[in-house]
C-alpha atoms as a PDB file:
ATOM      1  CA  VAL A   1      98.951 126.336 115.887  1.00  0.00           C
ATOM      2  CA  PHE A   2     101.256 128.104 113.510  1.00  0.00           C
ATOM      3  CA  ALA A   3     101.993 126.335 110.222  1.00  0.00           C
ATOM      4  CA  GLN A   4     105.487 127.810 110.078  1.00  0.00           C
ATOM      5  CA  ASP A   5     106.375 126.269 113.478  1.00  0.00           C
ATOM      6  CA  ALA A   6     108.109 122.958 112.677  1.00  0.00           C
ATOM      7  CA  SER A   7     107.278 121.536 116.122  1.00  0.00           C
ATOM      8  CA  ALA A   8     103.548 122.316 115.962  1.00  0.00           C
ATOM      9  CA  GLY A   9     101.223 119.330 115.741  1.00  0.00           C
ATOM     10  CA  GLY A  10      98.113 119.224 113.638  1.00  0.00           C
ATOM     11  CA  VAL A  11      94.754 120.240 115.021  1.00  0.00           C
ATOM     12  CA  LEU A  12      92.837 117.251 113.623  1.00  0.00           C
ATOM     13  CA  GLY A  13      95.557 114.845 114.695  1.00  0.00           C
ATOM     14  CA  ARG A  14      95.417 116.115 118.278  1.00  0.00           C
ATOM     15  CA  ILE A  15      91.607 115.960 118.270  1.00  0.00           C
ATOM     16  CA  GLY A  16      91.933 112.329 117.158  1.00  0.00           C
ATOM     17  CA  ASP A  17      94.395 111.678 119.989  1.00  0.00           C
ATOM     18  CA  SER A  18      91.854 113.054 122.477  1.00  0.00           C
ATOM     19  CA  ILE A  19      89.042 110.934 121.045  1.00  0.00           C
ATOM     20  CA  ASN A  20      91.166 107.790 121.246  1.00  0.00           C
ATOM     21  CA  PHE A  21      92.204 108.641 124.811  1.00  0.00           C
ATOM     22  CA  GLN A  22      88.600 109.212 125.926  1.00  0.00           C
ATOM     23  CA  GLU A  23      87.375 106.004 124.289  1.00  0.00           C
ATOM     24  CA  GLY A  24      90.299 103.941 125.551  1.00  0.00           C
ATOM     25  CA  SER A  25      90.880 102.472 122.104  1.00  0.00           C
ATOM     26  CA  ASN A  26      91.937 103.569 118.650  1.00  0.00           C
ATOM     27  CA  ILE A  27      88.696 104.531 116.929  1.00  0.00           C
ATOM     28  CA  PHE A  28      90.092 107.562 115.088  1.00  0.00           C
ATOM     29  CA  ASP A  29      92.000 107.091 111.847  1.00  0.00           C
ATOM     30  CA  ALA A  30      93.299 109.846 109.600  1.00  0.00           C
ATOM     31  CA  TYR A  31      93.493 109.555 105.829  1.00  0.00           C
ATOM     32  CA  SER A  32      94.912 111.955 103.281  1.00  0.00           C
ATOM     33  CA  ILE A  33      94.115 111.926  99.588  1.00  0.00           C
ATOM     34  CA  SER A  34      96.624 114.639  98.749  1.00  0.00           C
ATOM     35  CA  GLY A  35     100.033 114.294 100.389  1.00  0.00           C
ATOM     36  CA  THR A  36     100.744 114.446 104.108  1.00  0.00           C
ATOM     37  CA  PRO A  37      99.220 117.643 105.519  1.00  0.00           C
ATOM     38  CA  LYS A  38     100.465 118.948 108.842  1.00  0.00           C
ATOM     39  CA  ILE A  39      96.901 119.268 110.158  1.00  0.00           C
ATOM     40  CA  LEU A  40      96.658 115.458 110.487  1.00  0.00           C
ATOM     41  CA  GLU A  41      99.778 115.128 112.645  1.00  0.00           C
ATOM     42  CA  GLY A  42      99.050 114.193 116.232  1.00  0.00           C
ATOM     43  CA  ALA A  43     101.243 113.975 119.291  1.00  0.00           C
ATOM     44  CA  PRO A  44     104.606 112.282 118.716  1.00  0.00           C
ATOM     45  CA  SER A  45     104.673 108.617 119.839  1.00  0.00           C
ATOM     46  CA  VAL A  46     100.926 108.789 120.570  1.00  0.00           C
ATOM     47  CA  SER A  47      99.370 109.009 117.119  1.00  0.00           C
ATOM     48  CA  LYS A  48      99.938 106.745 114.213  1.00  0.00           C
ATOM     49  CA  PRO A  49     100.649 108.620 110.988  1.00  0.00           C
ATOM     50  CA  ALA A  50      97.839 109.364 108.566  1.00  0.00           C
ATOM     51  CA  ASP A  51      97.364 106.856 105.785  1.00  0.00           C
ATOM     52  CA  VAL A  52      98.064 108.420 102.405  1.00  0.00           C
ATOM     53  CA  LEU A  53      95.974 107.589  99.371  1.00  0.00           C
ATOM     54  CA  SER A  54      96.301 108.956  95.881  1.00  0.00           C
ATOM     55  CA  GLY A  55      93.481 109.626  93.465  1.00  0.00           C
ATOM     56  CA  SER A  56      94.030 106.170  91.991  1.00  0.00           C
ATOM     57  CA  GLY A  57      94.204 104.236  95.260  1.00  0.00           C
ATOM     58  CA  VAL A  58      96.761 103.497  97.933  1.00  0.00           C
ATOM     59  CA  ALA A  59      99.940 105.535  97.572  1.00  0.00           C
ATOM     60  CA  SER A  60     102.703 102.968  97.510  1.00  0.00           C
ATOM     61  CA  PHE A  61     106.336 102.601  96.604  1.00  0.00           C
ATOM     62  CA  VAL A  62     107.214 103.134  92.993  1.00  0.00           C
ATOM     63  CA  GLN A  63     106.941  99.853  91.150  1.00  0.00           C
ATOM     64  CA  LYS A  64     110.716  99.324  90.883  1.00  0.00           C
ATOM     65  CA  ALA A  65     111.147  99.744  94.658  1.00  0.00           C
ATOM     66  CA  GLY A  66     108.332  97.280  95.380  1.00  0.00           C
ATOM     67  CA  VAL A  67     110.607  94.327  94.583  1.00  0.00           C
ATOM     68  CA  TYR A  68     112.743  95.279  97.599  1.00  0.00           C
ATOM     69  CA  GLU A  69     109.907  95.195 100.161  1.00  0.00           C
ATOM     70  CA  ASP A  70     110.718  91.655 101.324  1.00  0.00           C
ATOM     71  CA  ASN A  71     114.400  92.550 101.703  1.00  0.00           C
ATOM     72  CA  ILE A  72     113.521  95.688 103.673  1.00  0.00           C
ATOM     73  CA  GLU A  73     111.310  93.643 105.993  1.00  0.00           C
ATOM     74  CA  ALA A  74     114.038  91.027 106.471  1.00  0.00           C
ATOM     75  CA  LEU A  75     116.596  93.713 107.354  1.00  0.00           C
ATOM     76  CA  SER A  76     114.135  95.386 109.730  1.00  0.00           C
ATOM     77  CA  LYS A  77     113.545  92.191 111.732  1.00  0.00           C
ATOM     78  CA  ASN A  78     116.993  92.436 113.315  1.00  0.00           C
ATOM     79  CA  ILE A  79     117.112  94.427 116.531  1.00  0.00           C
ATOM     80  CA  ALA A  80     119.338  97.470 116.224  1.00  0.00           C
ATOM     81  CA  THR A  81     121.520  98.816 119.017  1.00  0.00           C
ATOM     82  CA  SER A  82     120.584 102.363 118.058  1.00  0.00           C
ATOM     83  CA  ILE A  83     117.262 103.982 118.943  1.00  0.00           C
ATOM     84  CA  TYR A  84     117.425 105.768 115.589  1.00  0.00           C
ATOM     85  CA  GLY A  85     117.912 102.500 113.747  1.00  0.00           C
ATOM     86  CA  GLU A  86     115.009 100.886 115.623  1.00  0.00           C
ATOM     87  CA  THR A  87     112.775 103.886 114.949  1.00  0.00           C
ATOM     88  CA  PHE A  88     113.603 103.830 111.244  1.00  0.00           C
ATOM     89  CA  ALA A  89     113.131 100.056 111.014  1.00  0.00           C
ATOM     90  CA  ALA A  90     109.764 100.254 112.793  1.00  0.00           C
ATOM     91  CA  SER A  91     108.632 103.059 110.487  1.00  0.00           C
ATOM     92  CA  MET A  92     109.607 101.137 107.356  1.00  0.00           C
ATOM     93  CA  THR A  93     107.960  97.928 108.546  1.00  0.00           C
ATOM     94  CA  ASN A  94     104.797  99.793 109.531  1.00  0.00           C
ATOM     95  CA  THR A  95     104.686 101.543 106.160  1.00  0.00           C
ATOM     96  CA  ILE A  96     104.896  98.269 104.265  1.00  0.00           C
ATOM     97  CA  TYR A  97     102.276  96.649 106.531  1.00  0.00           C
ATOM     98  CA  ARG A  98      99.808  99.568 106.271  1.00  0.00           C
ATOM     99  CA  THR A  99     100.263  99.767 102.492  1.00  0.00           C
ATOM    100  CA  ARG A 100      99.434  96.083 102.068  1.00  0.00           C
ATOM    101  CA  LEU A 101      96.508  96.319 104.475  1.00  0.00           C
ATOM    102  CA  LEU A 102      95.020  99.356 102.751  1.00  0.00           C
ATOM    103  CA  GLU A 103      95.504  97.864  99.293  1.00  0.00           C
ATOM    104  CA  GLY A 104      93.552  94.822 100.471  1.00  0.00           C
ATOM    105  CA  VAL A 105      90.770  96.779 102.148  1.00  0.00           C
ATOM    106  CA  VAL A 106      90.289  99.836  99.947  1.00  0.00           C
ATOM    107  CA  GLY A 107      91.401  98.201  96.712  1.00  0.00           C
ATOM    108  CA  GLY A 108      88.773  95.471  97.041  1.00  0.00           C
ATOM    109  CA  VAL A 109      85.808  97.811  97.542  1.00  0.00           C
ATOM    110  CA  ASN A 110      83.326  98.067  94.687  1.00  0.00           C
ATOM    111  CA  LEU A 111      81.045 101.072  94.638  1.00  0.00           C
ATOM    112  CA  ALA A 112      77.524 100.940  93.228  1.00  0.00           C
ATOM    113  CA  ASN A 113      78.087 104.247  91.417  1.00  0.00           C
ATOM    114  CA  ASP A 114      81.704 103.826  90.320  1.00  0.00           C
ATOM    115  CA  ALA A 115      80.825 104.977  86.802  1.00  0.00           C
ATOM    116  CA  CYS A 116      79.921 108.494  87.942  1.00  0.00           C
ATOM    117  CA  PHE A 117      83.447 108.949  89.314  1.00  0.00           C
ATOM    118  CA  ASN A 118      85.170 107.335  86.333  1.00  0.00           C
ATOM    119  CA  ASN A 119      83.197 109.299  83.743  1.00  0.00           C
ATOM    120  CA  ALA A 120      84.056 112.651  85.350  1.00  0.00           C
ATOM    121  CA  GLY A 121      87.754 112.139  84.599  1.00  0.00           C
ATOM    122  CA  THR A 122      88.982 114.794  87.042  1.00  0.00           C
ATOM    123  CA  ASP A 123      91.438 114.566  89.930  1.00  0.00           C
ATOM    124  CA  ILE A 124      88.822 115.688  92.441  1.00  0.00           C
ATOM    125  CA  ALA A 125      86.394 113.003  91.223  1.00  0.00           C
ATOM    126  CA  GLN A 126      89.075 110.347  91.742  1.00  0.00           C
ATOM    127  CA  GLN A 127      89.786 111.702  95.230  1.00  0.00           C
ATOM    128  CA  PHE A 128      86.080 111.584  96.122  1.00  0.00           C
ATOM    129  CA  GLN A 129      85.994 108.025  94.811  1.00  0.00           C
ATOM    130  CA  GLN A 130      88.734 107.083  97.289  1.00  0.00           C
ATOM    131  CA  VAL A 131      86.849 108.809 100.116  1.00  0.00           C
ATOM    132  CA  ALA A 132      83.722 106.812  99.205  1.00  0.00           C
ATOM    133  CA  ARG A 133      85.751 103.581  99.213  1.00  0.00           C
ATOM    134  CA  ILE A 134      87.169 104.332 102.671  1.00  0.00           C
ATOM    135  CA  ILE A 135      83.697 105.085 104.045  1.00  0.00           C
ATOM    136  CA  LYS A 136      82.249 101.919 102.515  1.00  0.00           C
ATOM    137  CA  SER A 137      85.108  99.776 103.826  1.00  0.00           C
ATOM    138  CA  ARG A 138      84.653 101.172 107.358  1.00  0.00           C
ATOM    139  CA  ASP A 139      80.858 100.765 107.296  1.00  0.00           C
ATOM    140  CA  GLY A 140      81.208  97.131 106.268  1.00  0.00           C
END
């Protein structure tokens, strides 16, 4: 894999694709706490995109754009005659759905040692806090 090759997929994303294929179900999920790294990209139309979190929680639309989510969903419900339009509409709808789902799951997790992350006051501490919340939400 060469990072400069625009068509190259990510190593971890492809490993996740293989795990899901072997298990026969989607047990692999990818999360990023710092942007959308290429390493998490899997095979096109096989992998779902990595969920992106920020140090403060789920990375979402800017607050002003959030008021348009319902309108975007309503527009996306219509079937387009263009494959590009359908692909874009599906991506937008999926983004809104995943954002709401993650906000509900990760946002509602309380950690026993939240104070140690909050008192550190660094970006890396906030990122580790999000990782801990994801792990706790997956472990039940």
